[in-house]
Amino acid sequence: MPVDVSVVIPTYNRSALLRHCLCAYADQTYPRDRFELVIVDDCSTDDTAGVVEEFREKTQIPIKYIRNERRMHITRTRNVGIQAATGRIVIQTDSDLIPTPQFIEGHMETHRESGVMCTGPVINISSIDQLFVKRPSASDMCRHPLPGANGSVSREVLLSVGGYDEELSEYGWEDLELATRLRAKGIKSTRSSKAAGYHLRRPFTIDDLPAVRAREEARARMAIVYARKWPTFRVRMATWLSPAFFALDRLIFAFDWIHSPATERLIARWLESDKRGRAEFLAQLYANHAYVQALRRELRKGAGSASGMT
């Protein structure tokens, strides 16, 4: 029997979280026989396959499990799921986003109108004890037009634009680039407060700083790819590829103080005290500066400095 909607869930070594995620789909208000789950496993080394099979045996929800033959980047993995989906609507989400009971219903209500893409709230939690307990706030309503963590659009439209751009092969911007192409085709962005999910995010520690820098460097590389594909004012502002942002970065982070050992020690001390909020604010500044530094490097590699942006 054809389904109305396919929920595409890429995953990699998140079997414990995936179990919570899948269990939540068993409690959806949307009829079980009218949606399917498409799980694309990017060569996990944990018991992901076993978790999926256990869920399949306990429920009557149509489920497809696809395991990549080799490790692929997120855009390719998402495209594999879109190709395998059979629903008229595709909901893109992640294995660390645990949906509320009205998640699918909320998305599908927006698609009573054609030519739209829908975003739902992503409620960040630091402990599974906060699941379905923490109330959403204004900051949880994602302003992204089609986030990979919680967004939906017609499968026909997705295929017509070629899905995700696989040239964006590292962290960052692949979902915004897709939304840019969809907007160019006249697809309107809309939001549903009902289509909410809880994102379990591990509390930040000082040991995460090297990974933060690596992530921001990858995001900067992808920003350059995105901006060269779409050389518009909106994209330059979104990616901070503007002389104004570079000048502000130089002013705020003169002498690179944010990346100094003294600042790292301060972050560590605050994390161990009751000043975690201050520590996380400094860590965000650390990430922002690492991103802009990487943008400058990438522009120089591509002779971008000639444009006066660096």
Protein backbone atom coordinates (compact mmCIF):
# COMPACT_ATOMS: atom_id res chain seq x y z
CA MET A 1 0.00 0.00 0.00
CA PRO A 2 1.50 3.39 -0.95
CA VAL A 3 2.46 5.69 1.90
CA ASP A 4 1.89 9.43 2.16
CA VAL A 5 5.22 10.38 3.66
CA SER A 6 8.74 8.99 3.99
CA VAL A 7 10.90 9.94 6.97
CA VAL A 8 14.54 9.76 5.85
CA ILE A 9 17.00 9.23 8.73
CA PRO A 10 20.75 9.06 8.01
CA THR A 11 22.77 7.61 10.86
CA TYR A 12 26.30 6.68 11.87
CA ASN A 13 27.26 4.97 15.15
CA ARG A 14 24.31 6.31 17.13
CA SER A 15 22.52 3.09 17.98
CA ALA A 16 21.58 4.15 21.53
CA LEU A 17 20.08 7.42 20.30
CA LEU A 18 18.51 5.69 17.30
CA ARG A 19 16.57 3.41 19.65
CA HIS A 20 14.95 6.43 21.35
CA CYS A 21 14.33 7.99 17.95
CA LEU A 22 12.59 4.93 16.49
CA CYS A 23 10.48 4.31 19.59
CA ALA A 24 9.08 7.82 19.24
CA TYR A 25 7.86 7.00 15.72
CA ALA A 26 5.79 4.18 17.20
CA ASP A 27 3.81 6.83 19.13
CA GLN A 28 2.95 9.14 16.23
CA THR A 29 -0.59 10.49 15.86
CA TYR A 30 -0.29 10.01 12.10
CA PRO A 31 -1.55 6.54 10.99
CA ARG A 32 1.21 3.92 11.03
CA ASP A 33 0.26 2.46 7.68
CA ARG A 34 0.57 5.83 5.94
CA PHE A 35 4.23 6.60 6.64
CA GLU A 36 7.51 4.78 6.24
CA LEU A 37 10.95 5.14 7.81
CA VAL A 38 13.98 5.07 5.53
CA ILE A 39 17.15 4.57 7.58
CA VAL A 40 20.44 5.01 5.75
CA ASP A 41 23.37 3.63 7.74
CA ASP A 42 26.70 5.17 6.72
CA CYS A 43 28.70 2.03 7.65
CA SER A 44 28.19 2.10 11.42
CA THR A 45 30.42 -0.16 13.50
CA ASP A 46 27.99 -0.43 16.43
CA ASP A 47 24.71 -2.41 16.66
CA THR A 48 22.66 -0.03 14.47
CA ALA A 49 21.41 -2.87 12.26
CA GLY A 50 20.26 -4.82 15.32
CA VAL A 51 18.38 -1.82 16.72
CA VAL A 52 16.55 -1.36 13.41
CA GLU A 53 15.66 -5.06 13.20
CA GLU A 54 14.40 -5.08 16.80
CA PHE A 55 12.15 -2.09 16.03
CA ARG A 56 10.91 -3.72 12.82
CA GLU A 57 9.84 -6.84 14.73
CA LYS A 58 7.97 -4.87 17.42
CA THR A 59 5.97 -2.55 15.14
CA GLN A 60 4.01 -2.69 11.91
CA ILE A 61 5.53 0.51 10.58
CA PRO A 62 6.99 0.09 7.07
CA ILE A 63 10.75 0.44 7.44
CA LYS A 64 13.61 0.34 4.96
CA TYR A 65 17.16 -0.17 6.17
CA ILE A 66 19.94 0.69 3.72
CA ARG A 67 23.61 0.30 4.55
CA ASN A 68 26.12 2.19 2.44
CA GLU A 69 28.80 -0.01 0.89
CA ARG A 70 31.43 2.45 2.09
CA ARG A 71 31.55 5.61 4.21
CA MET A 72 29.91 8.48 2.35
CA HIS A 73 29.37 12.12 3.21
CA ILE A 74 26.04 13.39 4.52
CA THR A 75 24.78 14.76 1.20
CA ARG A 76 25.26 11.44 -0.59
CA THR A 77 23.71 9.56 2.33
CA ARG A 78 20.65 11.82 2.33
CA ASN A 79 20.29 11.40 -1.44
CA VAL A 80 20.35 7.61 -1.08
CA GLY A 81 17.41 7.91 1.31
CA ILE A 82 15.47 10.24 -0.99
CA GLN A 83 15.93 7.84 -3.90
CA ALA A 84 14.65 4.93 -1.80
CA ALA A 85 11.66 6.85 -0.43
CA THR A 86 8.20 6.17 -1.87
CA GLY A 87 6.11 8.78 -0.05
CA ARG A 88 4.73 11.88 -1.77
CA ILE A 89 6.36 13.98 0.98
CA VAL A 90 9.90 13.48 2.34
CA ILE A 91 10.74 14.53 5.89
CA GLN A 92 14.49 14.92 6.39
CA THR A 93 15.68 14.42 9.96
CA ASP A 94 18.56 12.95 11.97
CA SER A 95 18.99 9.98 14.28
CA ASP A 96 19.65 12.30 17.24
CA LEU A 97 16.32 14.11 16.78
CA ILE A 98 13.53 12.43 18.76
CA PRO A 99 10.13 13.43 17.37
CA THR A 100 7.12 14.52 19.41
CA PRO A 101 3.90 12.51 18.82
CA GLN A 102 2.52 15.13 16.38
CA PHE A 103 5.77 15.43 14.41
CA ILE A 104 4.58 13.81 11.18
CA GLU A 105 1.05 15.18 11.50
CA GLY A 106 2.43 18.71 11.85
CA HIS A 107 4.53 18.39 8.71
CA MET A 108 1.72 16.85 6.68
CA GLU A 109 -0.77 19.57 7.61
CA THR A 110 1.45 22.16 5.92
CA HIS A 111 1.58 20.08 2.74
CA ARG A 112 -2.14 20.39 2.17
CA GLU A 113 -0.87 23.35 0.20
CA SER A 114 1.39 22.49 -2.73
CA GLY A 115 4.73 24.10 -3.43
CA VAL A 116 5.93 24.50 0.16
CA MET A 117 8.83 23.36 2.29
CA CYS A 118 8.27 23.05 6.03
CA THR A 119 10.46 23.55 9.10
CA GLY A 120 9.64 22.41 12.63
CA PRO A 121 11.13 23.39 16.01
CA VAL A 122 14.33 21.71 17.20
CA ILE A 123 14.31 21.67 21.01
CA ASN A 124 17.83 21.23 22.37
CA ILE A 125 18.21 19.10 25.48
CA SER A 126 21.32 17.97 27.35
CA SER A 127 19.81 14.89 29.01
CA ILE A 128 17.30 12.24 28.01
CA ASP A 129 15.44 13.13 31.24
CA GLN A 130 14.39 16.38 29.53
CA LEU A 131 12.74 14.49 26.67
CA PHE A 132 9.11 15.62 26.22
CA VAL A 133 9.48 17.63 29.45
CA LYS A 134 11.37 20.74 28.39
CA ARG A 135 9.02 23.26 26.84
CA PRO A 136 9.95 24.81 23.49
CA SER A 137 11.02 28.44 23.49
CA ALA A 138 11.15 31.05 20.76
CA SER A 139 14.82 30.17 20.11
CA ASP A 140 13.86 26.56 19.30
CA MET A 141 11.87 27.56 16.22
CA CYS A 142 14.48 27.09 13.54
CA ARG A 143 14.70 29.99 11.09
CA HIS A 144 16.30 27.80 8.46
CA PRO A 145 13.94 27.26 5.48
CA LEU A 146 14.72 23.53 5.16
CA PRO A 147 17.05 22.14 7.86
CA GLY A 148 18.36 18.63 7.44
CA ALA A 149 17.42 17.93 11.06
CA ASN A 150 13.73 18.79 10.69
CA GLY A 151 12.43 19.77 7.27
CA SER A 152 10.01 18.43 4.68
CA VAL A 153 9.22 18.94 1.01
CA SER A 154 7.64 17.04 -1.86
CA ARG A 155 9.78 14.14 -3.14
CA GLU A 156 8.92 15.10 -6.72
CA VAL A 157 10.30 18.59 -6.14
CA LEU A 158 13.43 17.21 -4.46
CA LEU A 159 14.13 14.95 -7.41
CA SER A 160 13.45 17.72 -9.91
CA VAL A 161 16.30 19.81 -8.47
CA GLY A 162 18.66 16.84 -8.11
CA GLY A 163 18.46 16.45 -4.33
CA TYR A 164 21.38 17.60 -2.21
CA ASP A 165 24.46 18.94 -3.98
CA GLU A 166 27.14 16.29 -3.40
CA GLU A 167 29.92 18.79 -4.04
CA LEU A 168 29.13 20.03 -0.53
CA SER A 169 30.81 16.96 0.86
CA GLU A 170 31.84 18.23 4.31
CA TYR A 171 30.04 19.73 7.29
CA GLY A 172 27.76 22.68 6.67
CA TRP A 173 25.54 24.53 4.19
CA GLU A 174 24.22 21.56 2.18
CA ASP A 175 20.66 22.04 3.43
CA LEU A 176 20.70 25.82 2.97
CA GLU A 177 22.06 25.41 -0.58
CA LEU A 178 19.20 23.01 -1.33
CA ALA A 179 16.70 25.51 0.09
CA THR A 180 18.23 28.21 -2.11
CA ARG A 181 17.59 26.10 -5.21
CA LEU A 182 14.04 25.33 -4.09
CA ARG A 183 13.33 29.02 -3.50
CA ALA A 184 14.58 29.71 -7.02
CA LYS A 185 11.89 27.29 -8.26
CA GLY A 186 9.20 29.18 -6.35
CA ILE A 187 8.90 26.83 -3.36
CA LYS A 188 7.71 28.79 -0.33
CA SER A 189 9.01 28.20 3.20
CA THR A 190 6.54 27.58 6.00
CA ARG A 191 6.71 26.47 9.64
CA SER A 192 4.79 24.13 11.89
CA SER A 193 4.97 24.43 15.68
CA LYS A 194 3.49 20.91 15.93
CA ALA A 195 6.32 19.31 13.94
CA ALA A 196 8.75 19.50 16.86
CA GLY A 197 11.64 17.24 17.75
CA TYR A 198 14.05 17.00 20.68
CA HIS A 199 17.74 17.20 19.82
CA LEU A 200 19.92 15.51 22.41
CA ARG A 201 23.18 17.43 22.55
CA ARG A 202 25.97 16.28 24.81
CA PRO A 203 27.18 19.02 27.20
CA PHE A 204 30.25 20.86 25.92
CA THR A 205 33.65 20.06 27.49
CA ILE A 206 37.07 21.66 27.07
CA ASP A 207 38.23 18.55 25.19
CA ASP A 208 35.77 19.44 22.42
CA LEU A 209 37.69 22.55 21.31
CA PRO A 210 39.88 20.78 18.69
CA ALA A 211 36.76 19.17 17.16
CA VAL A 212 35.02 22.55 17.20
CA ARG A 213 37.89 24.10 15.25
CA ALA A 214 37.95 21.22 12.75
CA ARG A 215 34.18 21.49 12.25
CA GLU A 216 34.36 25.24 11.64
CA GLU A 217 37.22 24.82 9.18
CA ALA A 218 35.12 22.31 7.21
CA ARG A 219 32.13 24.67 7.38
CA ALA A 220 34.28 27.47 5.95
CA ARG A 221 35.43 25.30 3.04
CA MET A 222 31.82 24.48 2.22
CA ALA A 223 30.82 28.14 2.58
CA ILE A 224 33.22 29.01 -0.24
CA VAL A 225 31.69 26.30 -2.45
CA TYR A 226 28.16 27.49 -1.64
CA ALA A 227 28.94 31.16 -2.25
CA ARG A 228 30.62 30.47 -5.58
CA LYS A 229 27.54 28.59 -6.73
CA TRP A 230 25.23 31.35 -5.49
CA PRO A 231 27.08 34.72 -5.61
CA THR A 232 24.19 36.68 -4.11
CA PHE A 233 24.00 39.23 -1.30
CA ARG A 234 21.83 36.89 0.80
CA VAL A 235 24.36 34.07 0.57
CA ARG A 236 27.32 36.37 1.30
CA MET A 237 25.55 37.60 4.43
CA ALA A 238 24.62 34.07 5.53
CA THR A 239 28.18 32.80 5.09
CA TRP A 240 29.86 35.99 6.43
CA LEU A 241 31.73 36.42 3.16
CA SER A 242 31.81 40.19 3.46
CA PRO A 243 34.54 42.74 4.23
CA ALA A 244 32.39 43.97 7.12
CA PHE A 245 32.50 40.60 8.87
CA PHE A 246 36.25 40.26 8.35
CA ALA A 247 36.85 43.76 9.73
CA LEU A 248 34.67 43.05 12.76
CA ASP A 249 36.54 39.80 13.39
CA ARG A 250 39.89 41.64 13.29
CA LEU A 251 38.59 44.23 15.72
CA ILE A 252 37.11 41.79 18.25
CA PHE A 253 39.84 39.15 18.09
CA ALA A 254 42.96 41.30 17.80
CA PHE A 255 46.11 39.26 18.55
CA ASP A 256 44.02 36.07 18.36
CA TRP A 257 43.31 36.24 22.12
CA ILE A 258 40.31 33.91 21.87
CA HIS A 259 42.55 30.99 20.80
CA SER A 260 45.20 31.60 23.46
CA PRO A 261 46.04 29.03 26.17
CA ALA A 262 44.88 31.56 28.79
CA THR A 263 41.40 31.71 27.24
CA GLU A 264 41.21 27.92 27.05
CA ARG A 265 42.13 27.71 30.75
CA LEU A 266 39.42 30.26 31.55
CA ILE A 267 36.83 28.25 29.62
CA ALA A 268 37.87 25.09 31.48
CA ARG A 269 37.67 26.84 34.86
CA TRP A 270 34.21 28.25 34.13
CA LEU A 271 32.98 24.85 32.96
CA GLU A 272 33.97 23.38 36.32
CA SER A 273 32.18 26.15 38.25
CA ASP A 274 28.69 27.61 38.09
CA LYS A 275 29.62 29.76 35.08
CA ARG A 276 28.89 27.27 32.31
CA GLY A 277 26.88 29.87 30.40
CA ARG A 278 29.93 32.15 30.20
CA ALA A 279 32.12 29.24 29.15
CA GLU A 280 29.76 28.25 26.35
CA PHE A 281 29.58 31.88 25.18
CA LEU A 282 33.39 32.01 24.94
CA ALA A 283 33.39 28.65 23.17
CA GLN A 284 30.97 30.06 20.59
CA LEU A 285 33.30 33.03 20.05
CA TYR A 286 36.15 30.54 19.67
CA ALA A 287 34.15 28.75 16.95
CA ASN A 288 33.19 31.98 15.18
CA HIS A 289 36.79 33.16 14.99
CA ALA A 290 38.02 29.75 13.79
CA TYR A 291 35.41 29.92 11.02
CA VAL A 292 36.43 33.39 9.83
CA GLN A 293 40.12 32.49 9.97
CA ALA A 294 39.41 29.47 7.77
CA LEU A 295 37.37 31.61 5.37
CA ARG A 296 40.38 33.91 4.93
CA ARG A 297 42.68 30.95 4.23
CA GLU A 298 40.30 29.44 1.69
CA LEU A 299 39.86 32.77 -0.09
CA ARG A 300 43.62 33.23 -0.36
CA LYS A 301 43.96 29.76 -1.86
CA GLY A 302 41.44 30.73 -4.52
CA ALA A 303 42.86 34.23 -5.03
CA GLY A 304 39.79 35.59 -3.18
CA SER A 305 41.95 38.25 -1.56
CA ALA A 306 41.89 40.10 -4.86
CA SER A 307 38.25 40.92 -4.21
CA GLY A 308 39.21 42.80 -1.07
CA MET A 309 37.29 40.50 1.25
CA THR A 310 40.18 39.12 3.27
